[in-house]
Amino acid sequence: MNTPAPFDAALRRTLDDGLLALGLDPATVSKPLLDYLALLVRWN
């Protein structure tokens, strides 16, 4: 069963760009952290 991502592709690109700006590799960041960041971006 496929579960949908909690954020869309545009938000994911924004998060990836932000992580790269901080010197972090988005591929190594855990999924729960990405979900939390997506929630923060949506609330702001």
N, C-alpha and C. Protein backbone atom coordinates (compact mmCIF):
# COMPACT_ATOMS: atom_id res chain seq x y z
N MET A 1 0.84 -1.18 0.00
CA MET A 1 0.00 0.00 0.00
C MET A 1 0.89 1.24 0.00
N ASN A 2 0.68 2.09 -0.95
CA ASN A 2 1.44 3.34 -1.03
C ASN A 2 0.76 4.41 -0.19
N THR A 3 1.54 5.05 0.66
CA THR A 3 1.01 6.16 1.43
C THR A 3 1.52 7.45 0.80
N PRO A 4 0.67 8.44 0.67
CA PRO A 4 1.09 9.68 0.03
C PRO A 4 2.09 10.45 0.90
N ALA A 5 2.94 11.17 0.24
CA ALA A 5 3.89 12.02 0.96
C ALA A 5 3.13 13.14 1.66
N PRO A 6 3.60 13.56 2.83
CA PRO A 6 2.90 14.61 3.56
C PRO A 6 3.09 16.00 2.95
N PHE A 7 3.88 16.08 1.90
CA PHE A 7 4.11 17.36 1.26
C PHE A 7 4.26 17.17 -0.24
N ASP A 8 3.98 18.21 -0.98
CA ASP A 8 4.03 18.11 -2.44
C ASP A 8 5.46 18.31 -2.96
N ALA A 9 5.63 18.13 -4.25
CA ALA A 9 6.96 18.19 -4.87
C ALA A 9 7.61 19.57 -4.72
N ALA A 10 6.82 20.63 -4.84
CA ALA A 10 7.40 21.98 -4.71
C ALA A 10 7.92 22.22 -3.30
N LEU A 11 7.17 21.78 -2.30
CA LEU A 11 7.62 21.94 -0.92
C LEU A 11 8.85 21.08 -0.67
N ARG A 12 8.88 19.90 -1.23
CA ARG A 12 10.04 19.02 -1.07
C ARG A 12 11.29 19.67 -1.66
N ARG A 13 11.16 20.30 -2.84
CA ARG A 13 12.31 21.00 -3.44
C ARG A 13 12.77 22.14 -2.54
N THR A 14 11.83 22.87 -1.95
CA THR A 14 12.18 23.97 -1.06
C THR A 14 12.94 23.45 0.16
N LEU A 15 12.45 22.35 0.73
CA LEU A 15 13.13 21.75 1.88
C LEU A 15 14.52 21.26 1.50
N ASP A 16 14.63 20.60 0.35
CA ASP A 16 15.93 20.11 -0.11
C ASP A 16 16.90 21.26 -0.32
N ASP A 17 16.43 22.35 -0.93
CA ASP A 17 17.29 23.52 -1.15
C ASP A 17 17.75 24.11 0.18
N GLY A 18 16.86 24.18 1.14
CA GLY A 18 17.21 24.70 2.46
C GLY A 18 18.23 23.83 3.16
N LEU A 19 18.05 22.52 3.08
CA LEU A 19 19.01 21.60 3.70
C LEU A 19 20.38 21.72 3.04
N LEU A 20 20.38 21.83 1.71
CA LEU A 20 21.65 21.99 1.00
C LEU A 20 22.33 23.30 1.39
N ALA A 21 21.55 24.36 1.59
CA ALA A 21 22.12 25.65 2.01
C ALA A 21 22.77 25.55 3.39
N LEU A 22 22.25 24.64 4.21
CA LEU A 22 22.82 24.42 5.54
C LEU A 22 23.99 23.43 5.52
N GLY A 23 24.29 22.91 4.34
CA GLY A 23 25.38 21.96 4.22
C GLY A 23 24.98 20.53 4.53
N LEU A 24 23.67 20.24 4.52
CA LEU A 24 23.18 18.89 4.80
C LEU A 24 22.75 18.22 3.51
N ASP A 25 22.99 16.95 3.41
CA ASP A 25 22.56 16.18 2.24
C ASP A 25 21.14 15.68 2.48
N PRO A 26 20.17 16.13 1.68
CA PRO A 26 18.78 15.71 1.89
C PRO A 26 18.60 14.20 1.86
N ALA A 27 19.44 13.48 1.15
CA ALA A 27 19.32 12.03 1.07
C ALA A 27 19.66 11.35 2.39
N THR A 28 20.42 12.03 3.25
CA THR A 28 20.82 11.41 4.51
C THR A 28 19.96 11.88 5.69
N VAL A 29 19.07 12.83 5.46
CA VAL A 29 18.20 13.32 6.52
C VAL A 29 17.04 12.35 6.69
N SER A 30 16.71 12.04 7.92
CA SER A 30 15.67 11.04 8.18
C SER A 30 14.29 11.54 7.76
N LYS A 31 13.43 10.61 7.37
CA LYS A 31 12.08 10.95 6.94
C LYS A 31 11.30 11.66 8.04
N PRO A 32 11.35 11.23 9.31
CA PRO A 32 10.60 11.97 10.34
C PRO A 32 11.02 13.44 10.44
N LEU A 33 12.31 13.71 10.25
CA LEU A 33 12.76 15.10 10.29
C LEU A 33 12.21 15.88 9.10
N LEU A 34 12.19 15.27 7.93
CA LEU A 34 11.62 15.93 6.75
C LEU A 34 10.13 16.20 6.95
N ASP A 35 9.41 15.25 7.55
CA ASP A 35 7.99 15.46 7.83
C ASP A 35 7.79 16.63 8.79
N TYR A 36 8.63 16.71 9.81
CA TYR A 36 8.54 17.80 10.78
C TYR A 36 8.83 19.15 10.11
N LEU A 37 9.86 19.20 9.29
CA LEU A 37 10.18 20.44 8.58
C LEU A 37 9.05 20.86 7.66
N ALA A 38 8.42 19.89 7.00
CA ALA A 38 7.30 20.20 6.12
C ALA A 38 6.15 20.81 6.91
N LEU A 39 5.89 20.29 8.09
CA LEU A 39 4.83 20.86 8.93
C LEU A 39 5.16 22.29 9.33
N LEU A 40 6.41 22.53 9.70
CA LEU A 40 6.82 23.89 10.06
C LEU A 40 6.64 24.86 8.90
N VAL A 41 7.01 24.44 7.71
CA VAL A 41 6.88 25.30 6.54
C VAL A 41 5.41 25.58 6.26
N ARG A 42 4.55 24.58 6.40
CA ARG A 42 3.12 24.78 6.16
C ARG A 42 2.51 25.74 7.17
N TRP A 43 2.95 25.69 8.41
CA TRP A 43 2.36 26.54 9.46
C TRP A 43 2.78 27.99 9.31
N ASN A 44 3.91 28.23 8.67
CA ASN A 44 4.41 29.61 8.55
C ASN A 44 3.99 30.24 7.29
